[in-house]
Structure formats: structure tokens, C-alpha cells
Amino acid sequence: METREEEFLKKLAEAYANYDSSVIEEYLADDMHYASMWVFHEMTSKEEYLNYLRGKLETMKKVGSKFNFRIVDGSQHKKGLMVDDQAGFVVDFDDNGKVKMLNITYRAFF
């Protein structure tokens, strides 16, 4: 049976593949955080993250950029979403099953 973590990570890959952030909106807590090794500012709300993601996906769509995704096992997290075998996403949930932290980092930190 698929876990909430796997379900969300698959939806995140779908959002990138289809350039559509709306497929993950319902999963995000209002006070979720997003951290990236490439973004110096940690985002601290669903609204801020979705605005960032919409812009990123719009730019990717304009230039025809695509990533390859695969779900992998982790040690600190049960699952991670690898992006082009370079780095990837890990996720933590709050007590209500909503994403409280989304982090894109190196595989060693999965």
C-alpha cells in the first residue's frame, strides 16, 4: 500500500511533468516550509512556496525543460524523489497529514 509520503512525491513529480502546481496544493499546510540548497531563502508559507513554484514551472514550460524523477528509499526519510539522479526532494508531514517541510537536497541527506 502506498504511503502518504509516496503519494505526495508522485504528485510532486506530476506537478513538474505537467507544469501544474495545483496538483499538490491540497497536500500543503498553510505554514509549510520549503528549503533548497539552491535557494538562499527558506520559504515559510504555502502561499510563498506556490508563488515560487508557479513561476519556476512557467519558466520551465517556456523553455521546454523536463526532469526525470524516481522514488528511492532513504535512511532519514523512508522515501525521496530523485531528480535526474543529482539531488531530490524529501518531505515531512504535520499531525494532520499535510506537508510541513519540503526540502530539496543531496541524496546523502535522504
C-alpha atoms as a PDB file:
ATOM      1  CA  MET A   1       0.000   0.000   0.000  1.00  0.00           C
ATOM      2  CA  GLU A   2       1.265   3.432  -0.949  1.00  0.00           C
ATOM      3  CA  THR A   3       2.224   5.741   1.928  1.00  0.00           C
ATOM      4  CA  ARG A   4       1.257   9.411   2.191  1.00  0.00           C
ATOM      5  CA  GLU A   5       4.916  10.220   1.524  1.00  0.00           C
ATOM      6  CA  GLU A   6       4.987   8.222  -1.726  1.00  0.00           C
ATOM      7  CA  GLU A   7       1.613   9.638  -2.791  1.00  0.00           C
ATOM      8  CA  PHE A   8       2.815  13.211  -2.324  1.00  0.00           C
ATOM      9  CA  LEU A   9       6.183  12.630  -4.005  1.00  0.00           C
ATOM     10  CA  LYS A  10       4.413  11.147  -7.046  1.00  0.00           C
ATOM     11  CA  LYS A  11       2.107  14.165  -7.168  1.00  0.00           C
ATOM     12  CA  LEU A  12       5.125  16.484  -6.940  1.00  0.00           C
ATOM     13  CA  ALA A  13       6.713  14.704  -9.913  1.00  0.00           C
ATOM     14  CA  GLU A  14       3.383  15.064 -11.757  1.00  0.00           C
ATOM     15  CA  ALA A  15       3.330  18.803 -10.993  1.00  0.00           C
ATOM     16  CA  TYR A  16       6.758  19.219 -12.578  1.00  0.00           C
ATOM     17  CA  ALA A  17       5.985  16.923 -15.535  1.00  0.00           C
ATOM     18  CA  ASN A  18       2.775  18.830 -16.343  1.00  0.00           C
ATOM     19  CA  TYR A  19       3.953  22.293 -15.236  1.00  0.00           C
ATOM     20  CA  ASP A  20       0.957  22.437 -12.874  1.00  0.00           C
ATOM     21  CA  SER A  21       1.361  23.298  -9.194  1.00  0.00           C
ATOM     22  CA  SER A  22      -2.348  22.813  -8.476  1.00  0.00           C
ATOM     23  CA  VAL A  23      -1.951  19.030  -8.140  1.00  0.00           C
ATOM     24  CA  ILE A  24      -0.046  19.459  -4.851  1.00  0.00           C
ATOM     25  CA  GLU A  25      -1.911  22.400  -3.275  1.00  0.00           C
ATOM     26  CA  GLU A  26      -4.242  20.257  -1.164  1.00  0.00           C
ATOM     27  CA  TYR A  27      -1.260  18.427   0.387  1.00  0.00           C
ATOM     28  CA  LEU A  28       0.426  21.558   1.763  1.00  0.00           C
ATOM     29  CA  ALA A  29      -0.054  23.003   5.243  1.00  0.00           C
ATOM     30  CA  ASP A  30      -0.631  26.773   5.273  1.00  0.00           C
ATOM     31  CA  ASP A  31       2.543  27.244   7.349  1.00  0.00           C
ATOM     32  CA  MET A  32       4.686  24.775   5.399  1.00  0.00           C
ATOM     33  CA  HIS A  33       8.369  25.456   4.838  1.00  0.00           C
ATOM     34  CA  TYR A  34      10.450  24.894   1.712  1.00  0.00           C
ATOM     35  CA  ALA A  35      14.228  24.763   1.764  1.00  0.00           C
ATOM     36  CA  SER A  36      16.571  24.218  -1.134  1.00  0.00           C
ATOM     37  CA  MET A  37      20.314  24.047  -1.424  1.00  0.00           C
ATOM     38  CA  TRP A  38      19.920  26.365  -4.442  1.00  0.00           C
ATOM     39  CA  VAL A  39      17.550  28.909  -2.877  1.00  0.00           C
ATOM     40  CA  PHE A  40      19.100  31.026  -0.117  1.00  0.00           C
ATOM     41  CA  HIS A  41      15.783  31.975   1.471  1.00  0.00           C
ATOM     42  CA  GLU A  42      13.731  29.347   3.315  1.00  0.00           C
ATOM     43  CA  MET A  43      10.108  29.852   2.370  1.00  0.00           C
ATOM     44  CA  THR A  44       7.699  29.781   5.286  1.00  0.00           C
ATOM     45  CA  SER A  45       4.200  29.510   3.858  1.00  0.00           C
ATOM     46  CA  LYS A  46       2.132  27.592   1.352  1.00  0.00           C
ATOM     47  CA  GLU A  47       1.356  30.831  -0.487  1.00  0.00           C
ATOM     48  CA  GLU A  48       5.019  31.817  -0.795  1.00  0.00           C
ATOM     49  CA  TYR A  49       6.071  28.358  -1.988  1.00  0.00           C
ATOM     50  CA  LEU A  50       3.249  28.068  -4.534  1.00  0.00           C
ATOM     51  CA  ASN A  51       4.069  31.506  -5.966  1.00  0.00           C
ATOM     52  CA  TYR A  52       7.693  30.409  -6.335  1.00  0.00           C
ATOM     53  CA  LEU A  53       6.718  27.045  -7.845  1.00  0.00           C
ATOM     54  CA  ARG A  54       4.260  28.576 -10.330  1.00  0.00           C
ATOM     55  CA  GLY A  55       6.986  30.903 -11.599  1.00  0.00           C
ATOM     56  CA  LYS A  56       9.511  28.097 -11.821  1.00  0.00           C
ATOM     57  CA  LEU A  57       7.121  25.798 -13.700  1.00  0.00           C
ATOM     58  CA  GLU A  58       6.110  28.594 -16.071  1.00  0.00           C
ATOM     59  CA  THR A  59       9.769  29.231 -16.921  1.00  0.00           C
ATOM     60  CA  MET A  60      10.420  25.503 -17.368  1.00  0.00           C
ATOM     61  CA  LYS A  61       7.434  25.215 -19.708  1.00  0.00           C
ATOM     62  CA  LYS A  62       8.574  28.196 -21.828  1.00  0.00           C
ATOM     63  CA  VAL A  63      11.998  26.635 -22.397  1.00  0.00           C
ATOM     64  CA  GLY A  64      10.726  23.046 -22.635  1.00  0.00           C
ATOM     65  CA  SER A  65      12.703  21.871 -19.619  1.00  0.00           C
ATOM     66  CA  LYS A  66      11.910  18.387 -18.270  1.00  0.00           C
ATOM     67  CA  PHE A  67      13.311  16.358 -15.378  1.00  0.00           C
ATOM     68  CA  ASN A  68      13.500  12.628 -14.825  1.00  0.00           C
ATOM     69  CA  PHE A  69      12.074  11.526 -11.480  1.00  0.00           C
ATOM     70  CA  ARG A  70      12.208   8.319  -9.491  1.00  0.00           C
ATOM     71  CA  ILE A  71      11.229   7.447  -5.957  1.00  0.00           C
ATOM     72  CA  VAL A  72      14.058   5.944  -3.918  1.00  0.00           C
ATOM     73  CA  ASP A  73      14.474   4.578  -0.402  1.00  0.00           C
ATOM     74  CA  GLY A  74      16.143   6.797   2.152  1.00  0.00           C
ATOM     75  CA  SER A  75      17.694   6.399   5.572  1.00  0.00           C
ATOM     76  CA  GLN A  76      16.491   9.593   7.279  1.00  0.00           C
ATOM     77  CA  HIS A  77      13.231   9.531   5.298  1.00  0.00           C
ATOM     78  CA  LYS A  78      11.518   6.382   4.089  1.00  0.00           C
ATOM     79  CA  LYS A  79      11.332   7.751   0.555  1.00  0.00           C
ATOM     80  CA  GLY A  80      12.811  10.529  -1.525  1.00  0.00           C
ATOM     81  CA  LEU A  81      12.117  11.820  -5.019  1.00  0.00           C
ATOM     82  CA  MET A  82      15.319  11.833  -7.062  1.00  0.00           C
ATOM     83  CA  VAL A  83      15.617  14.458  -9.788  1.00  0.00           C
ATOM     84  CA  ASP A  84      17.866  13.498 -12.709  1.00  0.00           C
ATOM     85  CA  ASP A  85      19.915  11.348 -10.285  1.00  0.00           C
ATOM     86  CA  GLN A  86      21.520  14.536  -8.944  1.00  0.00           C
ATOM     87  CA  ALA A  87      19.529  15.557  -5.880  1.00  0.00           C
ATOM     88  CA  GLY A  88      15.950  15.315  -4.786  1.00  0.00           C
ATOM     89  CA  PHE A  89      13.026  16.059  -2.528  1.00  0.00           C
ATOM     90  CA  VAL A  90      12.254  14.776   0.939  1.00  0.00           C
ATOM     91  CA  VAL A  91       9.098  15.638   2.843  1.00  0.00           C
ATOM     92  CA  ASP A  92       7.849  15.787   6.428  1.00  0.00           C
ATOM     93  CA  PHE A  93       4.196  15.889   7.459  1.00  0.00           C
ATOM     94  CA  ASP A  94       2.352  17.532  10.329  1.00  0.00           C
ATOM     95  CA  ASP A  95      -0.115  15.737  12.618  1.00  0.00           C
ATOM     96  CA  ASN A  96      -2.914  16.407  10.119  1.00  0.00           C
ATOM     97  CA  GLY A  97      -1.085  14.663   7.265  1.00  0.00           C
ATOM     98  CA  LYS A  98      -0.215  17.918   5.492  1.00  0.00           C
ATOM     99  CA  VAL A  99       3.268  18.774   4.212  1.00  0.00           C
ATOM    100  CA  LYS A 100       5.045  20.839   6.862  1.00  0.00           C
ATOM    101  CA  MET A 101       8.538  20.727   5.328  1.00  0.00           C
ATOM    102  CA  LEU A 102       9.698  20.129   1.766  1.00  0.00           C
ATOM    103  CA  ASN A 103      13.403  20.062   1.198  1.00  0.00           C
ATOM    104  CA  ILE A 104      15.457  19.577  -1.937  1.00  0.00           C
ATOM    105  CA  THR A 105      18.894  18.299  -1.076  1.00  0.00           C
ATOM    106  CA  TYR A 106      21.657  15.850  -1.968  1.00  0.00           C
ATOM    107  CA  ARG A 107      20.914  12.114  -1.920  1.00  0.00           C
ATOM    108  CA  ALA A 108      23.183  11.634   1.118  1.00  0.00           C
ATOM    109  CA  PHE A 109      20.622  13.521   3.227  1.00  0.00           C
ATOM    110  CA  PHE A 110      17.663  11.323   2.259  1.00  0.00           C
END
